[in-house]
PDB file of N, CA and C in Angstrom:
ATOM      1  N   MET A   1      80.838  69.331  78.834  1.00  0.00           N
ATOM      2  CA  MET A   1      79.445  69.513  78.467  1.00  0.00           C
ATOM      3  C   MET A   1      78.992  70.952  78.701  1.00  0.00           C
ATOM      4  N   VAL A   2      79.469  71.573  79.779  1.00  0.00           N
ATOM      5  CA  VAL A   2      79.100  72.962  80.050  1.00  0.00           C
ATOM      6  C   VAL A   2      79.649  73.873  78.956  1.00  0.00           C
ATOM      7  N   GLY A   3      80.864  73.582  78.487  1.00  0.00           N
ATOM      8  CA  GLY A   3      81.450  74.379  77.413  1.00  0.00           C
ATOM      9  C   GLY A   3      80.634  74.313  76.141  1.00  0.00           C
ATOM     10  N   TYR A   4      80.059  73.151  75.871  1.00  0.00           N
ATOM     11  CA  TYR A   4      79.203  72.961  74.697  1.00  0.00           C
ATOM     12  C   TYR A   4      77.988  73.882  74.778  1.00  0.00           C
ATOM     13  N   TRP A   5      77.329  73.901  75.941  1.00  0.00           N
ATOM     14  CA  TRP A   5      76.141  74.735  76.117  1.00  0.00           C
ATOM     15  C   TRP A   5      76.498  76.218  76.104  1.00  0.00           C
ATOM     16  N   LEU A   6      77.617  76.579  76.698  1.00  0.00           N
ATOM     17  CA  LEU A   6      78.045  77.978  76.654  1.00  0.00           C
ATOM     18  C   LEU A   6      78.327  78.421  75.224  1.00  0.00           C
ATOM     19  N   THR A   7      78.889  77.522  74.416  1.00  0.00           N
ATOM     20  CA  THR A   7      79.137  77.829  73.006  1.00  0.00           C
ATOM     21  C   THR A   7      77.824  78.054  72.274  1.00  0.00           C
ATOM     22  N   ILE A   8      76.849  77.190  72.498  1.00  0.00           N
ATOM     23  CA  ILE A   8      75.541  77.335  71.849  1.00  0.00           C
ATOM     24  C   ILE A   8      74.885  78.654  72.238  1.00  0.00           C
ATOM     25  N   ILE A   9      74.888  78.972  73.526  1.00  0.00           N
ATOM     26  CA  ILE A   9      74.265  80.207  73.993  1.00  0.00           C
ATOM     27  C   ILE A   9      75.021  81.422  73.447  1.00  0.00           C
ATOM     28  N   GLY A  10      76.344  81.342  73.400  1.00  0.00           N
ATOM     29  CA  GLY A  10      77.137  82.439  72.855  1.00  0.00           C
ATOM     30  C   GLY A  10      76.833  82.698  71.396  1.00  0.00           C
ATOM     31  N   VAL A  11      76.760  81.638  70.596  1.00  0.00           N
ATOM     32  CA  VAL A  11      76.434  81.802  69.173  1.00  0.00           C
ATOM     33  C   VAL A  11      75.020  82.368  69.020  1.00  0.00           C
ATOM     34  N   LEU A  12      74.101  81.882  69.827  1.00  0.00           N
ATOM     35  CA  LEU A  12      72.733  82.394  69.786  1.00  0.00           C
ATOM     36  C   LEU A  12      72.701  83.887  70.089  1.00  0.00           C
ATOM     37  N   LEU A  13      73.429  84.328  71.105  1.00  0.00           N
ATOM     38  CA  LEU A  13      73.447  85.746  71.452  1.00  0.00           C
ATOM     39  C   LEU A  13      74.089  86.594  70.355  1.00  0.00           C
ATOM     40  N   VAL A  14      75.135  86.076  69.715  1.00  0.00           N
ATOM     41  CA  VAL A  14      75.750  86.804  68.603  1.00  0.00           C
ATOM     42  C   VAL A  14      74.750  86.963  67.469  1.00  0.00           C
ATOM     43  N   LEU A  15      74.056  85.874  67.118  1.00  0.00           N
ATOM     44  CA  LEU A  15      73.088  85.934  66.026  1.00  0.00           C
ATOM     45  C   LEU A  15      71.892  86.822  66.365  1.00  0.00           C
ATOM     46  N   GLU A  16      71.468  86.794  67.606  1.00  0.00           N
ATOM     47  CA  GLU A  16      70.336  87.640  68.016  1.00  0.00           C
ATOM     48  C   GLU A  16      70.733  89.106  68.109  1.00  0.00           C
ATOM     49  N   GLY A  17      71.955  89.385  68.508  1.00  0.00           N
ATOM     50  CA  GLY A  17      72.381  90.768  68.696  1.00  0.00           C
ATOM     51  C   GLY A  17      72.846  91.456  67.440  1.00  0.00           C
ATOM     52  N   ALA A  18      73.286  90.706  66.437  1.00  0.00           N
ATOM     53  CA  ALA A  18      73.839  91.305  65.218  1.00  0.00           C
ATOM     54  C   ALA A  18      72.851  92.240  64.513  1.00  0.00           C
ATOM     55  N   PRO A  19      71.602  91.863  64.296  1.00  0.00           N
ATOM     56  CA  PRO A  19      70.682  92.799  63.620  1.00  0.00           C
ATOM     57  C   PRO A  19      70.469  94.093  64.403  1.00  0.00           C
ATOM     58  N   TRP A  20      70.406  93.999  65.728  1.00  0.00           N
ATOM     59  CA  TRP A  20      70.219  95.197  66.547  1.00  0.00           C
ATOM     60  C   TRP A  20      71.431  96.113  66.458  1.00  0.00           C
ATOM     61  N   PHE A  21      72.616  95.540  66.375  1.00  0.00           N
ATOM     62  CA  PHE A  21      73.837  96.330  66.264  1.00  0.00           C
ATOM     63  C   PHE A  21      73.967  96.953  64.878  1.00  0.00           C
ATOM     64  N   LEU A  22      73.657  96.161  63.847  1.00  0.00           N
ATOM     65  CA  LEU A  22      73.877  96.612  62.480  1.00  0.00           C
ATOM     66  C   LEU A  22      72.839  97.621  61.996  1.00  0.00           C
ATOM     67  N   SER A  23      71.581  97.442  62.381  1.00  0.00           N
ATOM     68  CA  SER A  23      70.531  98.323  61.868  1.00  0.00           C
ATOM     69  C   SER A  23      69.344  98.383  62.832  1.00  0.00           C
ATOM     70  N   PRO A  24      69.489  99.113  63.930  1.00  0.00           N
ATOM     71  CA  PRO A  24      68.400  99.157  64.912  1.00  0.00           C
ATOM     72  C   PRO A  24      67.111  99.765  64.364  1.00  0.00           C
ATOM     73  N   ASP A  25      67.213 100.744  63.462  1.00  0.00           N
ATOM     74  CA  ASP A  25      65.993 101.356  62.906  1.00  0.00           C
ATOM     75  C   ASP A  25      65.188 100.365  62.081  1.00  0.00           C
ATOM     76  N   ARG A  26      65.880  99.554  61.287  1.00  0.00           N
ATOM     77  CA  ARG A  26      65.163  98.540  60.477  1.00  0.00           C
ATOM     78  C   ARG A  26      64.529  97.486  61.373  1.00  0.00           C
ATOM     79  N   ILE A  27      65.181  97.123  62.458  1.00  0.00           N
ATOM     80  CA  ILE A  27      64.608  96.135  63.376  1.00  0.00           C
ATOM     81  C   ILE A  27      63.351  96.701  64.027  1.00  0.00           C
ATOM     82  N   ARG A  28      63.391  97.971  64.428  1.00  0.00           N
ATOM     83  CA  ARG A  28      62.200  98.602  65.009  1.00  0.00           C
ATOM     84  C   ARG A  28      61.031  98.584  64.022  1.00  0.00           C
ATOM     85  N   SER A  29      61.302  98.932  62.772  1.00  0.00           N
ATOM     86  CA  SER A  29      60.215  98.950  61.789  1.00  0.00           C
ATOM     87  C   SER A  29      59.716  97.529  61.496  1.00  0.00           C
ATOM     88  N   LEU A  30      60.626  96.564  61.475  1.00  0.00           N
ATOM     89  CA  LEU A  30      60.213  95.174  61.275  1.00  0.00           C
ATOM     90  C   LEU A  30      59.330  94.695  62.430  1.00  0.00           C
ATOM     91  N   LEU A  31      59.710  95.048  63.656  1.00  0.00           N
ATOM     92  CA  LEU A  31      58.887  94.661  64.808  1.00  0.00           C
ATOM     93  C   LEU A  31      57.519  95.332  64.768  1.00  0.00           C
ATOM     94  N   ALA A  32      57.466  96.579  64.300  1.00  0.00           N
ATOM     95  CA  ALA A  32      56.176  97.264  64.172  1.00  0.00           C
ATOM     96  C   ALA A  32      55.295  96.547  63.153  1.00  0.00           C
ATOM     97  N   GLU A  33      55.899  96.121  62.035  1.00  0.00           N
ATOM     98  CA  GLU A  33      55.127  95.375  61.030  1.00  0.00           C
ATOM     99  C   GLU A  33      54.680  94.026  61.577  1.00  0.00           C
ATOM    100  N   LEU A  34      55.558  93.342  62.302  1.00  0.00           N
ATOM    101  CA  LEU A  34      55.191  92.046  62.869  1.00  0.00           C
ATOM    102  C   LEU A  34      54.075  92.172  63.896  1.00  0.00           C
ATOM    103  N   SER A  35      54.052  93.279  64.631  1.00  0.00           N
ATOM    104  CA  SER A  35      53.013  93.453  65.656  1.00  0.00           C
ATOM    105  C   SER A  35      51.622  93.607  65.036  1.00  0.00           C
ATOM    106  N   ARG A  36      51.572  93.963  63.761  1.00  0.00           N
ATOM    107  CA  ARG A  36      50.279  94.104  63.079  1.00  0.00           C
ATOM    108  C   ARG A  36      49.762  92.795  62.482  1.00  0.00           C
ATOM    109  N   LEU A  37      50.596  91.762  62.447  1.00  0.00           N
ATOM    110  CA  LEU A  37      50.164  90.480  61.886  1.00  0.00           C
ATOM    111  C   LEU A  37      49.246  89.757  62.864  1.00  0.00           C
ATOM    112  N   PRO A  38      48.281  88.989  62.349  1.00  0.00           N
ATOM    113  CA  PRO A  38      47.392  88.233  63.236  1.00  0.00           C
ATOM    114  C   PRO A  38      48.136  87.090  63.924  1.00  0.00           C
ATOM    115  N   ASP A  39      47.602  86.681  65.077  1.00  0.00           N
ATOM    116  CA  ASP A  39      48.239  85.627  65.875  1.00  0.00           C
ATOM    117  C   ASP A  39      48.473  84.324  65.108  1.00  0.00           C
ATOM    118  N   PRO A  40      47.514  83.840  64.294  1.00  0.00           N
ATOM    119  CA  PRO A  40      47.774  82.579  63.582  1.00  0.00           C
ATOM    120  C   PRO A  40      49.002  82.657  62.654  1.00  0.00           C
ATOM    121  N   VAL A  41      49.224  83.814  62.050  1.00  0.00           N
ATOM    122  CA  VAL A  41      50.384  83.969  61.170  1.00  0.00           C
ATOM    123  C   VAL A  41      51.669  83.929  61.992  1.00  0.00           C
ATOM    124  N   LEU A  42      51.670  84.627  63.125  1.00  0.00           N
ATOM    125  CA  LEU A  42      52.853  84.613  63.991  1.00  0.00           C
ATOM    126  C   LEU A  42      53.128  83.213  64.534  1.00  0.00           C
ATOM    127  N   ARG A  43      52.064  82.507  64.900  1.00  0.00           N
ATOM    128  CA  ARG A  43      52.250  81.124  65.385  1.00  0.00           C
ATOM    129  C   ARG A  43      52.817  80.224  64.290  1.00  0.00           C
ATOM    130  N   ALA A  44      52.320  80.387  63.072  1.00  0.00           N
ATOM    131  CA  ALA A  44      52.832  79.583  61.954  1.00  0.00           C
ATOM    132  C   ALA A  44      54.302  79.895  61.704  1.00  0.00           C
ATOM    133  N   MET A  45      54.678  81.174  61.764  1.00  0.00           N
ATOM    134  CA  MET A  45      56.088  81.545  61.578  1.00  0.00           C
ATOM    135  C   MET A  45      56.946  80.953  62.690  1.00  0.00           C
ATOM    136  N   GLY A  46      56.451  81.005  63.922  1.00  0.00           N
ATOM    137  CA  GLY A  46      57.192  80.424  65.040  1.00  0.00           C
ATOM    138  C   GLY A  46      57.342  78.918  64.901  1.00  0.00           C
ATOM    139  N   PHE A  47      56.272  78.254  64.478  1.00  0.00           N
ATOM    140  CA  PHE A  47      56.333  76.803  64.282  1.00  0.00           C
ATOM    141  C   PHE A  47      57.337  76.444  63.198  1.00  0.00           C
ATOM    142  N   LEU A  48      57.302  77.175  62.083  1.00  0.00           N
ATOM    143  CA  LEU A  48      58.251  76.892  60.999  1.00  0.00           C
ATOM    144  C   LEU A  48      59.698  77.133  61.434  1.00  0.00           C
ATOM    145  N   ALA A  49      59.918  78.173  62.226  1.00  0.00           N
ATOM    146  CA  ALA A  49      61.271  78.434  62.728  1.00  0.00           C
ATOM    147  C   ALA A  49      61.728  77.301  63.654  1.00  0.00           C
ATOM    148  N   MET A  50      60.841  76.834  64.536  1.00  0.00           N
ATOM    149  CA  MET A  50      61.208  75.718  65.426  1.00  0.00           C
ATOM    150  C   MET A  50      61.469  74.445  64.634  1.00  0.00           C
ATOM    151  N   ALA A  51      60.623  74.161  63.645  1.00  0.00           N
ATOM    152  CA  ALA A  51      60.807  72.956  62.830  1.00  0.00           C
ATOM    153  C   ALA A  51      62.129  73.019  62.062  1.00  0.00           C
ATOM    154  N   ALA A  52      62.448  74.187  61.504  1.00  0.00           N
ATOM    155  CA  ALA A  52      63.721  74.334  60.787  1.00  0.00           C
ATOM    156  C   ALA A  52      64.892  74.163  61.740  1.00  0.00           C
ATOM    157  N   GLY A  53      64.795  74.714  62.930  1.00  0.00           N
ATOM    158  CA  GLY A  53      65.852  74.556  63.920  1.00  0.00           C
ATOM    159  C   GLY A  53      66.045  73.110  64.338  1.00  0.00           C
ATOM    160  N   LEU A  54      64.953  72.402  64.590  1.00  0.00           N
ATOM    161  CA  LEU A  54      65.058  70.987  64.947  1.00  0.00           C
ATOM    162  C   LEU A  54      65.652  70.168  63.810  1.00  0.00           C
ATOM    163  N   PHE A  55      65.270  70.502  62.577  1.00  0.00           N
ATOM    164  CA  PHE A  55      65.831  69.796  61.429  1.00  0.00           C
ATOM    165  C   PHE A  55      67.339  70.026  61.336  1.00  0.00           C
ATOM    166  N   LEU A  56      67.781  71.260  61.530  1.00  0.00           N
ATOM    167  CA  LEU A  56      69.215  71.549  61.485  1.00  0.00           C
ATOM    168  C   LEU A  56      69.969  70.840  62.603  1.00  0.00           C
ATOM    169  N   VAL A  57      69.377  70.786  63.790  1.00  0.00           N
ATOM    170  CA  VAL A  57      70.003  70.050  64.895  1.00  0.00           C
ATOM    171  C   VAL A  57      70.105  68.572  64.542  1.00  0.00           C
ATOM    172  N   TRP A  58      69.045  68.028  63.967  1.00  0.00           N
ATOM    173  CA  TRP A  58      69.055  66.601  63.583  1.00  0.00           C
ATOM    174  C   TRP A  58      70.134  66.339  62.539  1.00  0.00           C
ATOM    175  N   ILE A  59      70.215  67.216  61.526  1.00  0.00           N
ATOM    176  CA  ILE A  59      71.251  67.064  60.497  1.00  0.00           C
ATOM    177  C   ILE A  59      72.632  67.127  61.142  1.00  0.00           C
ATOM    178  N   GLY A  60      72.831  68.107  61.995  1.00  0.00           N
ATOM    179  CA  GLY A  60      74.133  68.266  62.636  1.00  0.00           C
ATOM    180  C   GLY A  60      74.518  67.107  63.530  1.00  0.00           C
ATOM    181  N   ARG A  61      73.545  66.511  64.184  1.00  0.00           N
ATOM    182  CA  ARG A  61      73.839  65.410  65.114  1.00  0.00           C
ATOM    183  C   ARG A  61      73.941  64.067  64.403  1.00  0.00           C
ATOM    184  N   ASN A  62      73.345  63.925  63.231  1.00  0.00           N
ATOM    185  CA  ASN A  62      73.281  62.612  62.610  1.00  0.00           C
ATOM    186  C   ASN A  62      74.033  62.472  61.296  1.00  0.00           C
ATOM    187  N   TRP A  63      74.299  63.566  60.595  1.00  0.00           N
ATOM    188  CA  TRP A  63      74.850  63.394  59.256  1.00  0.00           C
ATOM    189  C   TRP A  63      76.091  64.217  58.945  1.00  0.00           C
ATOM    190  N   LEU A  64      76.549  65.019  59.856  1.00  0.00           N
ATOM    191  CA  LEU A  64      77.758  65.791  59.586  1.00  0.00           C
ATOM    192  C   LEU A  64      78.928  65.213  60.378  1.00  0.00           C
ATOM    193  N   PRO A  65      80.105  65.163  59.781  1.00  0.00           N
ATOM    194  CA  PRO A  65      81.263  64.606  60.486  1.00  0.00           C
ATOM    195  C   PRO A  65      81.848  65.601  61.483  1.00  0.00           C
ATOM    196  N   LEU A  66      81.112  65.903  62.524  1.00  0.00           N
ATOM    197  CA  LEU A  66      81.569  66.856  63.532  1.00  0.00           C
ATOM    198  C   LEU A  66      81.999  66.115  64.792  1.00  0.00           C
ATOM    199  N   GLY A  67      82.978  65.310  64.688  1.00  0.00           N
ATOM    200  CA  GLY A  67      83.465  64.588  65.859  1.00  0.00           C
ATOM    201  C   GLY A  67      82.564  63.417  66.198  1.00  0.00           C
ATOM    202  N   GLU A  68      81.946  63.471  67.346  1.00  0.00           N
ATOM    203  CA  GLU A  68      81.164  62.346  67.848  1.00  0.00           C
ATOM    204  C   GLU A  68      79.757  62.292  67.283  1.00  0.00           C
ATOM    205  N   GLY A  69      79.296  63.328  66.592  1.00  0.00           N
ATOM    206  CA  GLY A  69      77.893  63.402  66.246  1.00  0.00           C
ATOM    207  C   GLY A  69      77.476  62.775  64.941  1.00  0.00           C
ATOM    208  N   GLY A  70      78.374  62.411  64.050  1.00  0.00           N
ATOM    209  CA  GLY A  70      77.945  61.964  62.740  1.00  0.00           C
ATOM    210  C   GLY A  70      78.322  60.541  62.418  1.00  0.00           C
ATOM    211  N   PRO A  71      77.759  60.008  61.319  1.00  0.00           N
ATOM    212  CA  PRO A  71      78.020  58.624  60.958  1.00  0.00           C
ATOM    213  C   PRO A  71      79.365  58.423  60.268  1.00  0.00           C
ATOM    214  N   ILE A  72      80.057  59.512  59.924  1.00  0.00           N
ATOM    215  CA  ILE A  72      81.347  59.384  59.267  1.00  0.00           C
ATOM    216  C   ILE A  72      82.419  59.333  60.340  1.00  0.00           C
ATOM    217  N   ALA A  73      83.171  58.255  60.362  1.00  0.00           N
ATOM    218  CA  ALA A  73      84.195  58.095  61.393  1.00  0.00           C
ATOM    219  C   ALA A  73      85.310  59.113  61.183  1.00  0.00           C
ATOM    220  N   VAL A  74      85.642  59.816  62.216  1.00  0.00           N
ATOM    221  CA  VAL A  74      86.717  60.796  62.179  1.00  0.00           C
ATOM    222  C   VAL A  74      87.887  60.218  62.956  1.00  0.00           C
ATOM    223  N   GLN A  75      89.019  60.086  62.293  1.00  0.00           N
ATOM    224  CA  GLN A  75      90.183  59.513  62.947  1.00  0.00           C
ATOM    225  C   GLN A  75      90.797  60.535  63.891  1.00  0.00           C
ATOM    226  N   SER A  76      91.076  60.089  65.098  1.00  0.00           N
ATOM    227  CA  SER A  76      91.708  60.931  66.086  1.00  0.00           C
ATOM    228  C   SER A  76      93.210  60.719  66.023  1.00  0.00           C
ATOM    229  N   PRO A  77      94.013  61.754  66.250  1.00  0.00           N
ATOM    230  CA  PRO A  77      95.460  61.563  66.228  1.00  0.00           C
ATOM    231  C   PRO A  77      95.955  60.702  67.388  1.00  0.00           C
ATOM    232  N   VAL A  78      95.117  60.504  68.406  1.00  0.00           N
ATOM    233  CA  VAL A  78      95.553  59.702  69.553  1.00  0.00           C
ATOM    234  C   VAL A  78      94.984  58.290  69.545  1.00  0.00           C
ATOM    235  N   GLY A  79      94.200  57.932  68.551  1.00  0.00           N
ATOM    236  CA  GLY A  79      93.667  56.578  68.500  1.00  0.00           C
ATOM    237  C   GLY A  79      92.352  56.522  67.757  1.00  0.00           C
ATOM    238  N   PRO A  80      91.715  55.356  67.729  1.00  0.00           N
ATOM    239  CA  PRO A  80      90.453  55.203  67.008  1.00  0.00           C
ATOM    240  C   PRO A  80      89.313  55.944  67.699  1.00  0.00           C
ATOM    241  N   ARG A  81      88.288  56.208  66.934  1.00  0.00           N
ATOM    242  CA  ARG A  81      87.104  56.879  67.447  1.00  0.00           C
ATOM    243  C   ARG A  81      86.367  55.963  68.417  1.00  0.00           C
ATOM    244  N   VAL A  82      85.915  56.545  69.507  1.00  0.00           N
ATOM    245  CA  VAL A  82      85.127  55.800  70.476  1.00  0.00           C
ATOM    246  C   VAL A  82      83.679  56.229  70.306  1.00  0.00           C
ATOM    247  N   ASP A  83      82.806  55.273  69.994  1.00  0.00           N
ATOM    248  CA  ASP A  83      81.400  55.587  69.799  1.00  0.00           C
ATOM    249  C   ASP A  83      80.733  55.713  71.158  1.00  0.00           C
ATOM    250  N   GLN A  84      80.194  56.907  71.439  1.00  0.00           N
ATOM    251  CA  GLN A  84      79.536  57.145  72.719  1.00  0.00           C
ATOM    252  C   GLN A  84      78.021  57.166  72.582  1.00  0.00           C
ATOM    253  N   GLY A  85      77.517  56.646  71.483  1.00  0.00           N
ATOM    254  CA  GLY A  85      76.079  56.582  71.307  1.00  0.00           C
ATOM    255  C   GLY A  85      75.439  57.911  70.934  1.00  0.00           C
ATOM    256  N   LEU A  86      76.206  58.841  70.379  1.00  0.00           N
ATOM    257  CA  LEU A  86      75.663  60.147  70.035  1.00  0.00           C
ATOM    258  C   LEU A  86      75.143  60.231  68.617  1.00  0.00           C
ATOM    259  N   GLY A  87      75.295  59.189  67.838  1.00  0.00           N
ATOM    260  CA  GLY A  87      74.818  59.184  66.468  1.00  0.00           C
ATOM    261  C   GLY A  87      74.457  57.775  66.067  1.00  0.00           C
ATOM    262  N   PRO A  88      74.165  57.554  64.792  1.00  0.00           N
ATOM    263  CA  PRO A  88      73.850  56.216  64.345  1.00  0.00           C
ATOM    264  C   PRO A  88      75.057  55.295  64.524  1.00  0.00           C
ATOM    265  N   LYS A  89      74.781  54.044  64.783  1.00  0.00           N
ATOM    266  CA  LYS A  89      75.869  53.062  64.935  1.00  0.00           C
ATOM    267  C   LYS A  89      76.536  52.817  63.586  1.00  0.00           C
ATOM    268  N   ILE A  90      77.854  52.783  63.593  1.00  0.00           N
ATOM    269  CA  ILE A  90      78.622  52.569  62.386  1.00  0.00           C
ATOM    270  C   ILE A  90      79.134  51.134  62.397  1.00  0.00           C
ATOM    271  N   PRO A  91      78.703  50.324  61.426  1.00  0.00           N
ATOM    272  CA  PRO A  91      79.208  48.941  61.414  1.00  0.00           C
ATOM    273  C   PRO A  91      80.701  48.919  61.065  1.00  0.00           C
ATOM    274  N   GLY A  92      81.372  47.969  61.662  1.00  0.00           N
ATOM    275  CA  GLY A  92      82.787  47.780  61.327  1.00  0.00           C
ATOM    276  C   GLY A  92      83.632  48.465  62.276  1.00  0.00           C
TER     277      GLY A  92
END
């Protein structure tokens, strides 16, 4: 479980750091433009980003065959899949 969280944090840091590495001047100018926007606009952008993130997490946990998280049974080379309650129950 700790490895899972470290992977998530690592990917987050890569995604957050890439724009700063690739084009720091453009990021500075973008931040200057964002600082001029009114608070309601920034809050709406933040809300939409959180909603999109939650939707992607929901899709990933419920509908993609990523091991234990999705409704599509993935056959293991060592035996049948064990449902640990991480996704919708699969009949049969």
